[in-house]
């Protein structure tokens, strides 16, 4: 059986959720509809009667699902029309933003559903910048950048560039350590989920 066909059902919308920074698939991302045709709203209203109070807390419903380990998801047996999908990662708090994409469900001349495939790329909340020094104006390579308290860290590349991704918004302190240089720290205010702040460092040499 193919990934896109379940017995007696037909996939209408399928897709994948990816990390916008790394391009890697995101598992357990929540995907749901922000916009849907009236026919589907009616179908949901009827379905909700069978579940009562459990309906609102259900993770998997005709209008919401979670991604697999490979980032894939699908929705079955949807009426024709215009939809808008939204993806987020609730288990990661505000470390990622949300993403929306439109999708159109239609059928061919034989009445078979044409699968609409969408890719949702979630932007991590991040701080990026460049680290330089007196003798490394072009950038200090392999400097360690760490978020104080929470422990996220990364290392600069050959040009001294760094990107600490997947951190919580708010006031954060970044600590930088590099061989032959004095350790340095700076505070930065990380904005809304999915945004990126820039913070550069200019290091000084260790004395004697």
Protein backbone atom coordinates (compact mmCIF):
# COMPACT_ATOMS: atom_id res chain seq x y z
CA UNK A 1 0.00 0.00 0.00
CA UNK A 2 1.40 3.40 -0.91
CA UNK A 3 2.01 6.18 1.65
CA UNK A 4 -0.77 8.20 0.01
CA UNK A 5 -3.58 5.65 -0.13
CA UNK A 6 -5.47 4.10 2.75
CA UNK A 7 -8.03 1.35 2.11
CA UNK A 8 -11.36 2.77 0.91
CA UNK A 9 -10.08 6.32 1.35
CA UNK A 10 -8.26 8.80 -0.87
CA UNK A 11 -5.63 11.33 0.12
CA UNK A 12 -6.67 14.86 -0.83
CA UNK A 13 -3.87 16.95 0.68
CA UNK A 14 -0.42 15.64 1.54
CA UNK A 15 2.76 17.38 2.49
CA UNK A 16 5.86 17.67 4.59
CA UNK A 17 6.97 19.95 7.42
CA UNK A 18 10.63 20.99 7.34
CA UNK A 19 12.99 23.02 9.52
CA UNK A 20 13.55 26.16 7.43
CA UNK A 21 17.11 26.54 8.71
CA UNK A 22 18.40 23.00 8.17
CA UNK A 23 15.94 21.60 5.64
CA UNK A 24 15.45 18.52 7.84
CA UNK A 25 11.99 16.98 8.39
CA UNK A 26 10.14 17.90 11.58
CA UNK A 27 8.40 15.08 13.46
CA UNK A 28 5.28 15.58 15.60
CA UNK A 29 4.47 18.98 14.10
CA UNK A 30 0.80 19.95 14.37
CA UNK A 31 -0.91 20.61 11.03
CA UNK A 32 -4.44 22.00 10.84
CA UNK A 33 -6.73 24.08 8.66
CA UNK A 34 -7.23 27.83 9.01
CA UNK A 35 -9.52 28.02 5.99
CA UNK A 36 -11.83 25.42 4.47
CA UNK A 37 -14.92 25.18 2.22
CA UNK A 38 -18.37 25.35 3.81
CA UNK A 39 -18.99 21.71 2.85
CA UNK A 40 -16.07 20.59 5.01
CA UNK A 41 -17.18 22.79 7.92
CA UNK A 42 -20.54 21.01 7.81
CA UNK A 43 -18.80 17.62 7.73
CA UNK A 44 -16.77 18.54 10.81
CA UNK A 45 -19.81 19.77 12.71
CA UNK A 46 -21.55 16.45 12.13
CA UNK A 47 -18.43 14.46 13.10
CA UNK A 48 -18.01 16.43 16.33
CA UNK A 49 -21.40 15.23 17.59
CA UNK A 50 -20.07 11.68 17.86
CA UNK A 51 -17.19 12.67 20.15
CA UNK A 52 -18.78 15.25 22.45
CA UNK A 53 -16.36 16.95 24.84
CA UNK A 54 -13.42 14.91 23.50
CA UNK A 55 -13.58 16.61 20.12
CA UNK A 56 -11.66 19.76 21.06
CA UNK A 57 -8.78 17.85 22.69
CA UNK A 58 -8.29 15.28 19.90
CA UNK A 59 -4.85 15.47 18.24
CA UNK A 60 -5.98 13.58 15.13
CA UNK A 61 -9.22 14.66 13.43
CA UNK A 62 -10.35 15.11 9.83
CA UNK A 63 -9.06 18.70 10.07
CA UNK A 64 -5.88 18.22 12.14
CA UNK A 65 -3.00 15.78 12.31
CA UNK A 66 0.63 15.33 13.39
CA UNK A 67 3.64 14.70 11.17
CA UNK A 68 5.49 11.38 11.07
CA UNK A 69 9.21 10.93 11.76
CA UNK A 70 9.93 11.86 8.14
CA UNK A 71 7.86 15.05 8.43
CA UNK A 72 5.05 13.74 6.22
CA UNK A 73 1.32 14.23 6.79
CA UNK A 74 -1.91 13.80 4.84
CA UNK A 75 -5.63 14.52 4.96
CA UNK A 76 -8.26 12.17 3.54
CA UNK A 77 -11.51 12.51 1.61
CA UNK A 78 -11.79 16.30 1.53
CA UNK A 79 -14.48 18.16 -0.43
CA UNK A 80 -13.32 20.25 -3.37
CA UNK A 81 -12.37 23.82 -2.64
CA UNK A 82 -9.77 26.18 -1.25
CA UNK A 83 -7.96 25.35 1.98
CA UNK A 84 -5.27 27.00 4.09
CA UNK A 85 -2.97 24.86 6.21
CA UNK A 86 -1.02 25.93 9.28
CA UNK A 87 1.91 24.10 10.92
CA UNK A 88 3.53 24.55 14.32
CA UNK A 89 5.47 22.54 16.91
CA UNK A 90 3.59 22.80 20.24
CA UNK A 91 6.10 20.59 22.08
CA UNK A 92 8.88 23.11 21.31
CA UNK A 93 7.11 26.06 22.92
CA UNK A 94 8.05 29.25 21.08
CA UNK A 95 11.32 27.94 19.65
CA UNK A 96 9.76 27.89 16.17
CA UNK A 97 7.33 30.12 14.34
CA UNK A 98 4.26 28.98 12.44
CA UNK A 99 3.81 28.66 8.69
CA UNK A 100 0.74 28.79 6.46
CA UNK A 101 0.27 27.54 2.91
CA UNK A 102 -2.78 27.37 0.61
CA UNK A 103 -3.97 24.17 -1.06
CA UNK A 104 -6.68 23.46 -3.62
CA UNK A 105 -8.60 20.19 -3.66
CA UNK A 106 -10.11 19.22 -7.01
CA UNK A 107 -10.98 16.16 -9.09
CA UNK A 108 -10.13 14.95 -12.57
CA UNK A 109 -12.66 14.09 -15.29
CA UNK A 110 -13.16 10.62 -13.79
CA UNK A 111 -13.98 12.04 -10.38
CA UNK A 112 -10.70 11.03 -8.77
CA UNK A 113 -9.13 13.42 -6.26
CA UNK A 114 -6.03 15.23 -7.46
CA UNK A 115 -3.59 15.16 -4.56
CA UNK A 116 -2.43 18.63 -3.51
CA UNK A 117 1.10 18.52 -2.08
CA UNK A 118 2.34 21.33 0.16
CA UNK A 119 5.62 22.00 1.94
CA UNK A 120 5.55 23.93 5.20
CA UNK A 121 8.88 25.34 6.39
CA UNK A 122 9.05 26.34 10.04
CA UNK A 123 11.49 29.11 10.87
CA UNK A 124 13.38 28.59 14.15
CA UNK A 125 13.65 31.43 16.65
CA UNK A 126 17.32 32.36 16.43
CA UNK A 127 20.21 34.67 17.13
CA UNK A 128 22.92 35.00 14.51
CA UNK A 129 25.95 37.20 13.94
CA UNK A 130 29.69 37.41 13.39
CA UNK A 131 32.63 37.15 15.77
CA UNK A 132 35.82 39.03 14.99
CA UNK A 133 39.14 39.74 16.75
CA UNK A 134 42.17 42.05 16.36
CA UNK A 135 44.03 39.55 14.18
CA UNK A 136 40.90 37.95 12.69
CA UNK A 137 38.95 40.82 11.16
CA UNK A 138 37.41 38.44 8.68
CA UNK A 139 36.09 36.27 11.53
CA UNK A 140 37.16 34.00 14.38
CA UNK A 141 36.69 30.36 13.39
CA UNK A 142 35.46 27.69 15.84
CA UNK A 143 34.47 30.13 18.56
CA UNK A 144 31.85 28.58 20.85
CA UNK A 145 28.60 30.51 21.26
CA UNK A 146 26.37 29.38 24.11
CA UNK A 147 23.04 30.60 25.48
CA UNK A 148 23.45 31.09 29.22
CA UNK A 149 21.11 29.00 31.32
CA UNK A 150 19.37 26.98 28.60
CA UNK A 151 22.57 25.60 27.09
CA UNK A 152 21.95 25.84 23.33
CA UNK A 153 25.28 26.25 21.59
CA UNK A 154 27.01 26.34 18.25
CA UNK A 155 30.42 27.13 16.72
CA UNK A 156 31.41 29.76 14.21
CA UNK A 157 32.30 28.82 10.66
CA UNK A 158 35.43 29.79 8.71
CA UNK A 159 34.11 33.35 8.30
CA UNK A 160 33.27 33.74 11.99
CA UNK A 161 29.53 33.48 11.38
CA UNK A 162 27.23 31.70 13.85
CA UNK A 163 23.54 30.87 14.12
CA UNK A 164 22.00 29.67 17.38
CA UNK A 165 18.60 28.32 16.36
CA UNK A 166 15.63 26.99 18.29
CA UNK A 167 15.75 29.21 21.36
CA UNK A 168 12.92 30.69 23.42
CA UNK A 169 12.01 34.36 22.86
CA UNK A 170 12.79 36.90 25.58
CA UNK A 171 15.93 38.34 27.14
CA UNK A 172 18.88 36.00 26.61
CA UNK A 173 22.59 36.19 27.39
CA UNK A 174 25.02 34.81 24.81
CA UNK A 175 28.47 33.73 25.94
CA UNK A 176 31.41 33.46 23.53
CA UNK A 177 34.65 31.59 24.12
CA UNK A 178 37.53 31.22 21.66
CA UNK A 179 41.11 30.02 22.10
CA UNK A 180 43.48 32.93 22.70
CA UNK A 181 40.66 35.41 23.38
CA UNK A 182 38.94 36.71 26.47
CA UNK A 183 35.49 35.25 27.04
CA UNK A 184 32.69 37.71 26.39
CA UNK A 185 28.96 37.86 26.98
CA UNK A 186 26.16 40.10 25.71
CA UNK A 187 22.43 40.34 26.34
CA UNK A 188 19.98 40.24 23.49
CA UNK A 189 16.20 40.41 23.35
CA UNK A 190 14.83 37.71 21.11
CA UNK A 191 11.56 38.75 19.49
CA UNK A 192 8.53 36.82 18.29
CA UNK A 193 8.65 33.08 17.58
CA UNK A 194 10.30 32.39 14.23
CA UNK A 195 12.22 35.67 14.12
CA UNK A 196 15.99 36.10 14.02
CA UNK A 197 18.08 38.69 15.88
CA UNK A 198 21.63 39.76 14.94
CA UNK A 199 24.32 40.09 17.60
CA UNK A 200 27.99 40.60 16.68
CA UNK A 201 31.02 40.20 18.97
CA UNK A 202 34.44 41.84 18.81
CA UNK A 203 36.84 39.83 20.98
CA UNK A 204 40.09 41.00 22.60
CA UNK A 205 43.25 38.95 23.03
CA UNK A 206 44.11 37.37 26.36
CA UNK A 207 46.97 39.18 28.08
CA UNK A 208 50.39 37.55 28.43
